[in-house]
Amino acid sequence: MRNILAAVLTFAAATPAFAAKGPFFSLANTDFVVLISFLLFIGVLLYFKVPAIVTGMLDKRAQTIRSELDEARALREEAQSLLASYERKQKEVQAHADKIVAAAREEAGRAAEQAKADLKVSIARRLAAAEEQIASAEASAVREVRDQAVTVAVAAAREVIAQGLTAAQGNALIDDAIAEVDAKLH
């Protein structure tokens, strides 16, 4: 209140206030009318406690800003903790993925070794089968050669026998052959 009174006295004592014609405390003097209007305006503002209301509004706005800043700080901290947890989870997932890849590589190595072993066994089996087929074919060829030799020998023997064998000797040979077959079968 003292500051306002000092300001009013300063305005009243100022030299521009004396520039108007006539007495200063007259309603004809525009400077005096302006001074009175200004003082009434300041008085109305003080009467309705406008400075307290404005100060209260500014304090309320400052408190709102302070609370928003606190909330923003809390949100930032929460975001940082979420980021840290996501980074931790990402590292865990990456470690898990690395383990899976390592296990898959190890499994692939074992599968390759197993495939090699299976291939060796298969090749050995095929070689054995081929050797058996070769042996069978060889035995068959030997049998065919023997059969052919027997056929040729029989044909040759028939001719030799037919030329030098009598009917009685042929009958005796047939009887001997029947007896020999009978002995071998029983």
N, C-alpha and C. Protein backbone atom coordinates (compact mmCIF):
# COMPACT_ATOMS: atom_id res chain seq x y z
N MET A 1 0.83 -1.19 0.00
CA MET A 1 0.00 0.00 0.00
C MET A 1 0.87 1.25 0.00
N ARG A 2 2.00 1.18 0.69
CA ARG A 2 2.90 2.34 0.72
C ARG A 2 3.53 2.57 -0.65
N ASN A 3 3.80 1.44 -1.34
CA ASN A 3 4.40 1.55 -2.66
C ASN A 3 3.46 2.26 -3.64
N ILE A 4 2.19 1.97 -3.50
CA ILE A 4 1.20 2.60 -4.38
C ILE A 4 1.11 4.09 -4.07
N LEU A 5 1.11 4.44 -2.82
CA LEU A 5 1.03 5.84 -2.41
C LEU A 5 2.26 6.60 -2.88
N ALA A 6 3.42 5.95 -2.79
CA ALA A 6 4.65 6.59 -3.26
C ALA A 6 4.60 6.79 -4.77
N ALA A 7 4.05 5.83 -5.48
CA ALA A 7 3.94 5.96 -6.93
C ALA A 7 3.00 7.09 -7.29
N VAL A 8 1.89 7.23 -6.54
CA VAL A 8 0.93 8.30 -6.82
C VAL A 8 1.57 9.66 -6.55
N LEU A 9 2.31 9.78 -5.49
CA LEU A 9 2.96 11.06 -5.18
C LEU A 9 4.02 11.40 -6.23
N THR A 10 4.69 10.34 -6.71
CA THR A 10 5.71 10.58 -7.73
C THR A 10 5.06 11.08 -9.01
N PHE A 11 3.93 10.49 -9.38
CA PHE A 11 3.23 10.95 -10.58
C PHE A 11 2.69 12.38 -10.39
N ALA A 12 2.26 12.68 -9.19
CA ALA A 12 1.70 14.01 -8.93
C ALA A 12 2.80 15.06 -8.96
N ALA A 13 3.99 14.70 -8.52
CA ALA A 13 5.07 15.66 -8.45
C ALA A 13 5.86 15.76 -9.75
N ALA A 14 5.56 14.91 -10.70
CA ALA A 14 6.33 14.90 -11.94
C ALA A 14 6.11 16.18 -12.72
N THR A 15 7.10 16.56 -13.44
CA THR A 15 7.04 17.82 -14.19
C THR A 15 6.02 17.81 -15.31
N PRO A 16 5.74 16.68 -15.97
CA PRO A 16 4.71 16.77 -17.00
C PRO A 16 3.35 17.11 -16.41
N ALA A 17 3.14 16.81 -15.15
CA ALA A 17 1.86 17.14 -14.54
C ALA A 17 1.67 18.65 -14.46
N PHE A 18 2.76 19.39 -14.40
CA PHE A 18 2.66 20.83 -14.32
C PHE A 18 2.60 21.50 -15.70
N ALA A 19 2.61 20.72 -16.72
CA ALA A 19 2.61 21.29 -18.07
C ALA A 19 1.22 21.77 -18.47
N ALA A 20 0.18 21.24 -17.81
CA ALA A 20 -1.16 21.65 -18.18
C ALA A 20 -1.42 23.07 -17.68
N LYS A 21 -2.38 23.78 -18.33
CA LYS A 21 -2.70 25.15 -17.96
C LYS A 21 -3.70 25.15 -16.83
N GLY A 22 -3.59 26.02 -16.00
CA GLY A 22 -4.53 26.19 -14.93
C GLY A 22 -4.13 25.39 -13.72
N PRO A 23 -5.00 25.42 -12.70
CA PRO A 23 -4.66 24.70 -11.47
C PRO A 23 -4.68 23.17 -11.70
N PHE A 24 -3.80 22.50 -11.00
CA PHE A 24 -3.67 21.05 -11.19
C PHE A 24 -4.87 20.29 -10.64
N PHE A 25 -5.44 20.75 -9.52
CA PHE A 25 -6.55 20.04 -8.89
C PHE A 25 -7.89 20.52 -9.42
N SER A 26 -8.01 20.57 -10.68
CA SER A 26 -9.23 21.00 -11.32
C SER A 26 -9.66 19.91 -12.30
N LEU A 27 -10.94 19.75 -12.47
CA LEU A 27 -11.44 18.74 -13.40
C LEU A 27 -11.22 19.17 -14.86
N ALA A 28 -10.86 20.37 -15.07
CA ALA A 28 -10.56 20.85 -16.40
C ALA A 28 -9.16 20.42 -16.81
N ASN A 29 -8.34 20.11 -15.83
CA ASN A 29 -6.98 19.67 -16.10
C ASN A 29 -7.03 18.16 -16.43
N THR A 30 -6.65 17.81 -17.67
CA THR A 30 -6.72 16.40 -18.11
C THR A 30 -5.74 15.52 -17.35
N ASP A 31 -4.62 16.08 -16.95
CA ASP A 31 -3.66 15.26 -16.20
C ASP A 31 -4.25 14.84 -14.86
N PHE A 32 -4.96 15.75 -14.23
CA PHE A 32 -5.58 15.43 -12.94
C PHE A 32 -6.66 14.36 -13.11
N VAL A 33 -7.45 14.45 -14.18
CA VAL A 33 -8.53 13.49 -14.44
C VAL A 33 -7.93 12.10 -14.72
N VAL A 34 -6.86 12.09 -15.46
CA VAL A 34 -6.19 10.81 -15.74
C VAL A 34 -5.63 10.22 -14.45
N LEU A 35 -5.04 11.08 -13.60
CA LEU A 35 -4.50 10.61 -12.31
C LEU A 35 -5.60 10.07 -11.43
N ILE A 36 -6.72 10.71 -11.36
CA ILE A 36 -7.85 10.26 -10.55
C ILE A 36 -8.36 8.93 -11.11
N SER A 37 -8.49 8.84 -12.44
CA SER A 37 -8.99 7.60 -13.06
C SER A 37 -8.04 6.44 -12.78
N PHE A 38 -6.75 6.74 -12.88
CA PHE A 38 -5.76 5.69 -12.61
C PHE A 38 -5.83 5.23 -11.16
N LEU A 39 -5.97 6.17 -10.25
CA LEU A 39 -6.05 5.82 -8.83
C LEU A 39 -7.33 5.05 -8.54
N LEU A 40 -8.44 5.41 -9.18
CA LEU A 40 -9.69 4.67 -9.01
C LEU A 40 -9.55 3.25 -9.55
N PHE A 41 -8.90 3.15 -10.71
CA PHE A 41 -8.69 1.81 -11.30
C PHE A 41 -7.85 0.93 -10.36
N ILE A 42 -6.77 1.49 -9.83
CA ILE A 42 -5.92 0.75 -8.89
C ILE A 42 -6.73 0.40 -7.64
N GLY A 43 -7.55 1.32 -7.17
CA GLY A 43 -8.38 1.08 -5.99
C GLY A 43 -9.38 -0.04 -6.24
N VAL A 44 -10.02 -0.04 -7.42
CA VAL A 44 -10.98 -1.10 -7.76
C VAL A 44 -10.26 -2.44 -7.82
N LEU A 45 -9.08 -2.45 -8.41
CA LEU A 45 -8.30 -3.69 -8.47
C LEU A 45 -7.96 -4.18 -7.07
N LEU A 46 -7.58 -3.28 -6.20
CA LEU A 46 -7.24 -3.69 -4.83
C LEU A 46 -8.49 -4.10 -4.05
N TYR A 47 -9.61 -3.42 -4.29
CA TYR A 47 -10.85 -3.73 -3.58
C TYR A 47 -11.33 -5.14 -3.93
N PHE A 48 -11.28 -5.47 -5.20
CA PHE A 48 -11.73 -6.81 -5.62
C PHE A 48 -10.62 -7.86 -5.53
N LYS A 49 -9.53 -7.47 -4.93
CA LYS A 49 -8.40 -8.36 -4.67
C LYS A 49 -7.90 -9.05 -5.95
N VAL A 50 -7.84 -8.29 -7.00
CA VAL A 50 -7.38 -8.81 -8.28
C VAL A 50 -5.92 -9.26 -8.20
N PRO A 51 -5.02 -8.50 -7.52
CA PRO A 51 -3.64 -8.99 -7.45
C PRO A 51 -3.54 -10.35 -6.73
N ALA A 52 -4.36 -10.54 -5.69
CA ALA A 52 -4.34 -11.84 -4.98
C ALA A 52 -4.89 -12.94 -5.90
N ILE A 53 -5.94 -12.59 -6.65
CA ILE A 53 -6.52 -13.59 -7.57
C ILE A 53 -5.50 -13.94 -8.65
N VAL A 54 -4.86 -12.91 -9.24
CA VAL A 54 -3.86 -13.14 -10.28
C VAL A 54 -2.70 -13.94 -9.70
N THR A 55 -2.25 -13.55 -8.48
CA THR A 55 -1.16 -14.28 -7.83
C THR A 55 -1.57 -15.72 -7.57
N GLY A 56 -2.81 -15.92 -7.11
CA GLY A 56 -3.32 -17.28 -6.88
C GLY A 56 -3.36 -18.08 -8.18
N MET A 57 -3.82 -17.43 -9.24
CA MET A 57 -3.86 -18.12 -10.53
C MET A 57 -2.45 -18.47 -11.01
N LEU A 58 -1.52 -17.55 -10.83
CA LEU A 58 -0.14 -17.82 -11.24
C LEU A 58 0.46 -18.94 -10.38
N ASP A 59 0.16 -18.89 -9.06
CA ASP A 59 0.65 -19.96 -8.18
C ASP A 59 0.04 -21.31 -8.57
N LYS A 60 -1.26 -21.27 -8.88
CA LYS A 60 -1.93 -22.50 -9.31
C LYS A 60 -1.31 -23.02 -10.61
N ARG A 61 -1.05 -22.13 -11.54
CA ARG A 61 -0.43 -22.52 -12.82
C ARG A 61 0.98 -23.06 -12.57
N ALA A 62 1.71 -22.41 -11.67
CA ALA A 62 3.06 -22.89 -11.34
C ALA A 62 2.98 -24.28 -10.71
N GLN A 63 2.00 -24.47 -9.82
CA GLN A 63 1.84 -25.79 -9.19
C GLN A 63 1.47 -26.84 -10.25
N THR A 64 0.59 -26.47 -11.19
CA THR A 64 0.21 -27.39 -12.27
C THR A 64 1.43 -27.76 -13.11
N ILE A 65 2.23 -26.75 -13.44
CA ILE A 65 3.44 -27.00 -14.22
C ILE A 65 4.40 -27.88 -13.44
N ARG A 66 4.53 -27.60 -12.14
CA ARG A 66 5.41 -28.41 -11.29
C ARG A 66 4.93 -29.86 -11.26
N SER A 67 3.60 -30.05 -11.09
CA SER A 67 3.07 -31.42 -11.05
C SER A 67 3.24 -32.11 -12.41
N GLU A 68 3.05 -31.36 -13.50
CA GLU A 68 3.26 -31.94 -14.83
C GLU A 68 4.73 -32.33 -15.02
N LEU A 69 5.63 -31.48 -14.53
CA LEU A 69 7.06 -31.82 -14.61
C LEU A 69 7.38 -33.07 -13.79
N ASP A 70 6.78 -33.15 -12.58
CA ASP A 70 7.00 -34.34 -11.75
C ASP A 70 6.44 -35.59 -12.44
N GLU A 71 5.26 -35.44 -13.03
CA GLU A 71 4.66 -36.56 -13.75
C GLU A 71 5.51 -36.96 -14.96
N ALA A 72 6.01 -35.95 -15.67
CA ALA A 72 6.88 -36.23 -16.82
C ALA A 72 8.16 -36.92 -16.36
N ARG A 73 8.71 -36.48 -15.23
CA ARG A 73 9.91 -37.12 -14.68
C ARG A 73 9.61 -38.58 -14.32
N ALA A 74 8.46 -38.81 -13.69
CA ALA A 74 8.08 -40.17 -13.31
C ALA A 74 7.87 -41.03 -14.56
N LEU A 75 7.21 -40.45 -15.57
CA LEU A 75 7.01 -41.18 -16.83
C LEU A 75 8.34 -41.50 -17.51
N ARG A 76 9.26 -40.55 -17.44
CA ARG A 76 10.58 -40.78 -18.04
C ARG A 76 11.30 -41.91 -17.31
N GLU A 77 11.25 -41.89 -15.99
CA GLU A 77 11.89 -42.96 -15.21
C GLU A 77 11.24 -44.31 -15.53
N GLU A 78 9.91 -44.31 -15.63
CA GLU A 78 9.20 -45.55 -15.96
C GLU A 78 9.60 -46.03 -17.36
N ALA A 79 9.70 -45.09 -18.30
CA ALA A 79 10.10 -45.45 -19.66
C ALA A 79 11.52 -46.00 -19.67
N GLN A 80 12.39 -45.41 -18.86
CA GLN A 80 13.77 -45.90 -18.80
C GLN A 80 13.80 -47.31 -18.20
N SER A 81 13.00 -47.54 -17.17
CA SER A 81 12.97 -48.88 -16.57
C SER A 81 12.39 -49.89 -17.57
N LEU A 82 11.33 -49.48 -18.32
CA LEU A 82 10.78 -50.37 -19.34
C LEU A 82 11.82 -50.65 -20.44
N LEU A 83 12.54 -49.61 -20.83
CA LEU A 83 13.58 -49.79 -21.85
C LEU A 83 14.64 -50.76 -21.34
N ALA A 84 15.04 -50.59 -20.09
CA ALA A 84 16.05 -51.49 -19.52
C ALA A 84 15.53 -52.92 -19.46
N SER A 85 14.26 -53.09 -19.07
CA SER A 85 13.71 -54.45 -19.01
C SER A 85 13.61 -55.05 -20.41
N TYR A 86 13.22 -54.23 -21.40
CA TYR A 86 13.14 -54.75 -22.77
C TYR A 86 14.53 -55.09 -23.30
N GLU A 87 15.51 -54.27 -22.97
CA GLU A 87 16.88 -54.58 -23.39
C GLU A 87 17.35 -55.87 -22.73
N ARG A 88 17.02 -56.04 -21.45
CA ARG A 88 17.39 -57.26 -20.75
C ARG A 88 16.70 -58.47 -21.39
N LYS A 89 15.40 -58.32 -21.67
CA LYS A 89 14.67 -59.41 -22.33
C LYS A 89 15.25 -59.70 -23.71
N GLN A 90 15.62 -58.64 -24.43
CA GLN A 90 16.20 -58.83 -25.76
C GLN A 90 17.52 -59.58 -25.65
N LYS A 91 18.33 -59.26 -24.65
CA LYS A 91 19.59 -59.98 -24.44
C LYS A 91 19.31 -61.44 -24.10
N GLU A 92 18.31 -61.68 -23.25
CA GLU A 92 17.96 -63.06 -22.89
C GLU A 92 17.48 -63.82 -24.13
N VAL A 93 16.65 -63.18 -24.94
CA VAL A 93 16.15 -63.83 -26.16
C VAL A 93 17.31 -64.10 -27.11
N GLN A 94 18.23 -63.13 -27.22
CA GLN A 94 19.38 -63.33 -28.09
C GLN A 94 20.24 -64.49 -27.60
N ALA A 95 20.45 -64.57 -26.28
CA ALA A 95 21.22 -65.68 -25.72
C ALA A 95 20.52 -67.00 -25.98
N HIS A 96 19.20 -67.01 -25.81
CA HIS A 96 18.42 -68.23 -26.08
C HIS A 96 18.52 -68.61 -27.55
N ALA A 97 18.43 -67.62 -28.42
CA ALA A 97 18.54 -67.89 -29.87
C ALA A 97 19.93 -68.42 -30.20
N ASP A 98 20.96 -67.86 -29.56
CA ASP A 98 22.32 -68.36 -29.79
C ASP A 98 22.44 -69.81 -29.33
N LYS A 99 21.82 -70.13 -28.20
CA LYS A 99 21.85 -71.52 -27.72
C LYS A 99 21.14 -72.44 -28.71
N ILE A 100 20.00 -71.99 -29.23
CA ILE A 100 19.24 -72.80 -30.19
C ILE A 100 20.08 -73.02 -31.45
N VAL A 101 20.74 -71.95 -31.92
CA VAL A 101 21.57 -72.08 -33.13
C VAL A 101 22.72 -73.04 -32.87
N ALA A 102 23.36 -72.91 -31.69
CA ALA A 102 24.46 -73.82 -31.37
C ALA A 102 23.97 -75.26 -31.30
N ALA A 103 22.82 -75.47 -30.66
CA ALA A 103 22.26 -76.83 -30.58
C ALA A 103 21.92 -77.36 -31.97
N ALA A 104 21.38 -76.49 -32.81
CA ALA A 104 21.03 -76.91 -34.17
C ALA A 104 22.29 -77.28 -34.96
N ARG A 105 23.35 -76.49 -34.78
CA ARG A 105 24.61 -76.82 -35.47
C ARG A 105 25.16 -78.15 -34.97
N GLU A 106 25.11 -78.33 -33.66
CA GLU A 106 25.59 -79.60 -33.09
C GLU A 106 24.76 -80.77 -33.60
N GLU A 107 23.45 -80.59 -33.62
CA GLU A 107 22.55 -81.63 -34.12
C GLU A 107 22.82 -81.90 -35.60
N ALA A 108 23.07 -80.85 -36.37
CA ALA A 108 23.37 -81.02 -37.80
C ALA A 108 24.68 -81.79 -37.98
N GLY A 109 25.66 -81.50 -37.12
CA GLY A 109 26.92 -82.24 -37.18
C GLY A 109 26.71 -83.71 -36.88
N ARG A 110 25.92 -83.97 -35.83
CA ARG A 110 25.62 -85.37 -35.49
C ARG A 110 24.85 -86.05 -36.61
N ALA A 111 23.91 -85.33 -37.20
CA ALA A 111 23.13 -85.91 -38.30
C ALA A 111 24.03 -86.20 -39.49
N ALA A 112 24.99 -85.31 -39.75
CA ALA A 112 25.92 -85.53 -40.87
C ALA A 112 26.78 -86.76 -40.59
N GLU A 113 27.27 -86.88 -39.35
CA GLU A 113 28.07 -88.06 -39.00
C GLU A 113 27.23 -89.33 -39.12
N GLN A 114 25.98 -89.27 -38.65
CA GLN A 114 25.09 -90.43 -38.75
C GLN A 114 24.83 -90.77 -40.21
N ALA A 115 24.64 -89.73 -41.04
CA ALA A 115 24.40 -89.97 -42.47
C ALA A 115 25.63 -90.61 -43.12
N LYS A 116 26.83 -90.17 -42.71
CA LYS A 116 28.05 -90.77 -43.24
C LYS A 116 28.13 -92.24 -42.85
N ALA A 117 27.84 -92.52 -41.56
CA ALA A 117 27.88 -93.90 -41.09
C ALA A 117 26.83 -94.74 -41.82
N ASP A 118 25.63 -94.19 -41.97
CA ASP A 118 24.58 -94.93 -42.69
C ASP A 118 24.98 -95.17 -44.14
N LEU A 119 25.63 -94.18 -44.75
CA LEU A 119 26.07 -94.32 -46.13
C LEU A 119 27.13 -95.42 -46.24
N LYS A 120 28.05 -95.44 -45.28
CA LYS A 120 29.08 -96.50 -45.29
C LYS A 120 28.44 -97.88 -45.16
N VAL A 121 27.47 -98.00 -44.24
CA VAL A 121 26.77 -99.28 -44.05
C VAL A 121 26.03 -99.65 -45.32
N SER A 122 25.37 -98.68 -45.94
CA SER A 122 24.61 -98.94 -47.17
C SER A 122 25.55 -99.37 -48.29
N ILE A 123 26.68 -98.68 -48.39
CA ILE A 123 27.65 -99.05 -49.43
C ILE A 123 28.18 -100.45 -49.18
N ALA A 124 28.49 -100.77 -47.93
CA ALA A 124 28.99 -102.12 -47.60
C ALA A 124 27.93 -103.16 -47.93
N ARG A 125 26.67 -102.86 -47.61
CA ARG A 125 25.59 -103.79 -47.90
C ARG A 125 25.43 -103.99 -49.41
N ARG A 126 25.51 -102.91 -50.16
CA ARG A 126 25.39 -103.01 -51.61
C ARG A 126 26.57 -103.77 -52.21
N LEU A 127 27.75 -103.51 -51.64
CA LEU A 127 28.92 -104.25 -52.13
C LEU A 127 28.76 -105.74 -51.85
N ALA A 128 28.28 -106.08 -50.64
CA ALA A 128 28.06 -107.48 -50.30
C ALA A 128 27.02 -108.10 -51.23
N ALA A 129 25.94 -107.33 -51.50
CA ALA A 129 24.90 -107.84 -52.40
C ALA A 129 25.48 -108.02 -53.81
N ALA A 130 26.29 -107.07 -54.23
CA ALA A 130 26.88 -107.18 -55.56
C ALA A 130 27.83 -108.38 -55.63
N GLU A 131 28.62 -108.57 -54.56
CA GLU A 131 29.52 -109.73 -54.52
C GLU A 131 28.73 -111.03 -54.54
N GLU A 132 27.59 -111.03 -53.80
CA GLU A 132 26.74 -112.23 -53.82
C GLU A 132 26.19 -112.47 -55.23
N GLN A 133 25.77 -111.39 -55.90
CA GLN A 133 25.25 -111.53 -57.25
C GLN A 133 26.35 -112.03 -58.20
N ILE A 134 27.56 -111.47 -57.99
CA ILE A 134 28.67 -111.91 -58.84
C ILE A 134 28.96 -113.39 -58.59
N ALA A 135 28.98 -113.79 -57.30
CA ALA A 135 29.22 -115.19 -56.96
C ALA A 135 28.12 -116.08 -57.52
N SER A 136 26.89 -115.62 -57.42
CA SER A 136 25.76 -116.38 -57.94
C SER A 136 25.87 -116.51 -59.46
N ALA A 137 26.21 -115.38 -60.11
CA ALA A 137 26.35 -115.41 -61.57
C ALA A 137 27.51 -116.33 -61.96
N GLU A 138 28.58 -116.27 -61.17
CA GLU A 138 29.74 -117.13 -61.44
C GLU A 138 29.35 -118.60 -61.29
N ALA A 139 28.63 -118.90 -60.19
CA ALA A 139 28.19 -120.28 -59.95
C ALA A 139 27.25 -120.72 -61.07
N SER A 140 26.36 -119.83 -61.48
CA SER A 140 25.43 -120.14 -62.56
C SER A 140 26.19 -120.40 -63.86
N ALA A 141 27.20 -119.54 -64.12
CA ALA A 141 27.99 -119.74 -65.33
C ALA A 141 28.73 -121.06 -65.28
N VAL A 142 29.31 -121.39 -64.09
CA VAL A 142 30.02 -122.66 -63.94
C VAL A 142 29.04 -123.81 -64.14
N ARG A 143 27.83 -123.68 -63.58
CA ARG A 143 26.81 -124.72 -63.73
C ARG A 143 26.43 -124.90 -65.19
N GLU A 144 26.24 -123.74 -65.88
CA GLU A 144 25.89 -123.82 -67.31
C GLU A 144 27.00 -124.49 -68.11
N VAL A 145 28.24 -124.10 -67.76
CA VAL A 145 29.38 -124.72 -68.46
C VAL A 145 29.40 -126.22 -68.19
N ARG A 146 29.19 -126.64 -66.93
CA ARG A 146 29.16 -128.06 -66.58
C ARG A 146 28.03 -128.76 -67.31
N ASP A 147 26.84 -128.08 -67.26
CA ASP A 147 25.69 -128.69 -67.95
C ASP A 147 25.98 -128.87 -69.43
N GLN A 148 26.57 -127.84 -70.02
CA GLN A 148 26.92 -127.91 -71.43
C GLN A 148 27.95 -129.02 -71.66
N ALA A 149 28.94 -129.08 -70.73
CA ALA A 149 29.96 -130.14 -70.86
C ALA A 149 29.34 -131.51 -70.72
N VAL A 150 28.40 -131.64 -69.78
CA VAL A 150 27.72 -132.92 -69.58
C VAL A 150 26.93 -133.25 -70.84
N THR A 151 26.23 -132.25 -71.38
CA THR A 151 25.43 -132.49 -72.58
C THR A 151 26.33 -132.94 -73.73
N VAL A 152 27.43 -132.22 -73.89
CA VAL A 152 28.35 -132.60 -74.96
C VAL A 152 28.93 -133.99 -74.71
N ALA A 153 29.28 -134.25 -73.43
CA ALA A 153 29.85 -135.56 -73.09
C ALA A 153 28.83 -136.66 -73.32
N VAL A 154 27.58 -136.41 -72.96
CA VAL A 154 26.53 -137.41 -73.14
C VAL A 154 26.33 -137.65 -74.62
N ALA A 155 26.31 -136.55 -75.39
CA ALA A 155 26.12 -136.71 -76.83
C ALA A 155 27.29 -137.49 -77.42
N ALA A 156 28.48 -137.14 -76.96
CA ALA A 156 29.66 -137.85 -77.47
C ALA A 156 29.62 -139.31 -77.03
N ALA A 157 29.23 -139.55 -75.77
CA ALA A 157 29.17 -140.91 -75.27
C ALA A 157 28.10 -141.69 -76.02
N ARG A 158 27.00 -141.04 -76.34
CA ARG A 158 25.92 -141.71 -77.05
C ARG A 158 26.42 -142.19 -78.42
N GLU A 159 27.14 -141.29 -79.05
CA GLU A 159 27.64 -141.66 -80.37
C GLU A 159 28.64 -142.81 -80.25
N VAL A 160 29.52 -142.69 -79.26
CA VAL A 160 30.54 -143.74 -79.08
C VAL A 160 29.83 -145.04 -78.72
N ILE A 161 28.87 -144.96 -77.81
CA ILE A 161 28.18 -146.15 -77.36
C ILE A 161 27.33 -146.71 -78.50
N ALA A 162 26.67 -145.81 -79.20
CA ALA A 162 25.80 -146.27 -80.29
C ALA A 162 26.62 -147.00 -81.35
N GLN A 163 27.82 -146.60 -81.53
CA GLN A 163 28.63 -147.24 -82.55
C GLN A 163 29.21 -148.56 -82.05
N GLY A 164 29.53 -148.65 -80.81
CA GLY A 164 30.20 -149.87 -80.37
C GLY A 164 29.40 -150.68 -79.38
N LEU A 165 28.18 -150.41 -79.09
CA LEU A 165 27.42 -151.08 -78.04
C LEU A 165 26.35 -151.96 -78.68
N THR A 166 26.23 -153.15 -78.13
CA THR A 166 25.19 -154.06 -78.60
C THR A 166 23.95 -153.83 -77.79
N ALA A 167 22.84 -154.43 -78.16
CA ALA A 167 21.57 -154.24 -77.47
C ALA A 167 21.65 -154.84 -76.08
N ALA A 168 22.31 -155.94 -75.91
CA ALA A 168 22.40 -156.57 -74.61
C ALA A 168 23.25 -155.73 -73.68
N GLN A 169 24.33 -155.16 -74.19
CA GLN A 169 25.17 -154.30 -73.37
C GLN A 169 24.40 -153.03 -72.99
N GLY A 170 23.61 -152.48 -73.89
CA GLY A 170 22.79 -151.28 -73.61
C GLY A 170 21.78 -151.57 -72.53
N ASN A 171 21.14 -152.75 -72.60
CA ASN A 171 20.16 -153.11 -71.58
C ASN A 171 20.84 -153.26 -70.23
N ALA A 172 22.04 -153.80 -70.22
CA ALA A 172 22.78 -153.98 -68.98
C ALA A 172 23.16 -152.62 -68.41
N LEU A 173 23.57 -151.71 -69.26
CA LEU A 173 23.92 -150.36 -68.78
C LEU A 173 22.68 -149.66 -68.22
N ILE A 174 21.55 -149.83 -68.85
CA ILE A 174 20.31 -149.20 -68.37
C ILE A 174 19.94 -149.78 -67.02
N ASP A 175 20.06 -151.09 -66.88
CA ASP A 175 19.73 -151.73 -65.60
C ASP A 175 20.67 -151.24 -64.51
N ASP A 176 21.96 -151.12 -64.83
CA ASP A 176 22.93 -150.63 -63.84
C ASP A 176 22.61 -149.18 -63.43
N ALA A 177 22.23 -148.35 -64.38
CA ALA A 177 21.91 -146.95 -64.10
C ALA A 177 20.67 -146.86 -63.23
N ILE A 178 19.66 -147.72 -63.50
CA ILE A 178 18.43 -147.72 -62.70
C ILE A 178 18.76 -148.15 -61.29
N ALA A 179 19.60 -149.11 -61.15
CA ALA A 179 19.97 -149.60 -59.83
C ALA A 179 20.74 -148.52 -59.07
N GLU A 180 21.62 -147.85 -59.74
CA GLU A 180 22.43 -146.79 -59.10
C GLU A 180 21.54 -145.64 -58.66
N VAL A 181 20.58 -145.24 -59.51
CA VAL A 181 19.63 -144.16 -59.15
C VAL A 181 18.79 -144.62 -57.99
N ASP A 182 18.36 -145.88 -58.00
CA ASP A 182 17.52 -146.40 -56.92
C ASP A 182 18.30 -146.38 -55.61
N ALA A 183 19.61 -146.70 -55.67
CA ALA A 183 20.45 -146.72 -54.48
C ALA A 183 20.67 -145.30 -53.97
N LYS A 184 20.81 -144.37 -54.82
CA LYS A 184 21.07 -142.98 -54.40
C LYS A 184 19.80 -142.31 -53.85
N LEU A 185 18.66 -142.68 -54.36
CA LEU A 185 17.41 -142.09 -53.89
C LEU A 185 16.95 -142.64 -52.56
N HIS A 186 17.29 -143.89 -52.27
CA HIS A 186 16.80 -144.49 -51.01
C HIS A 186 17.84 -144.55 -50.01
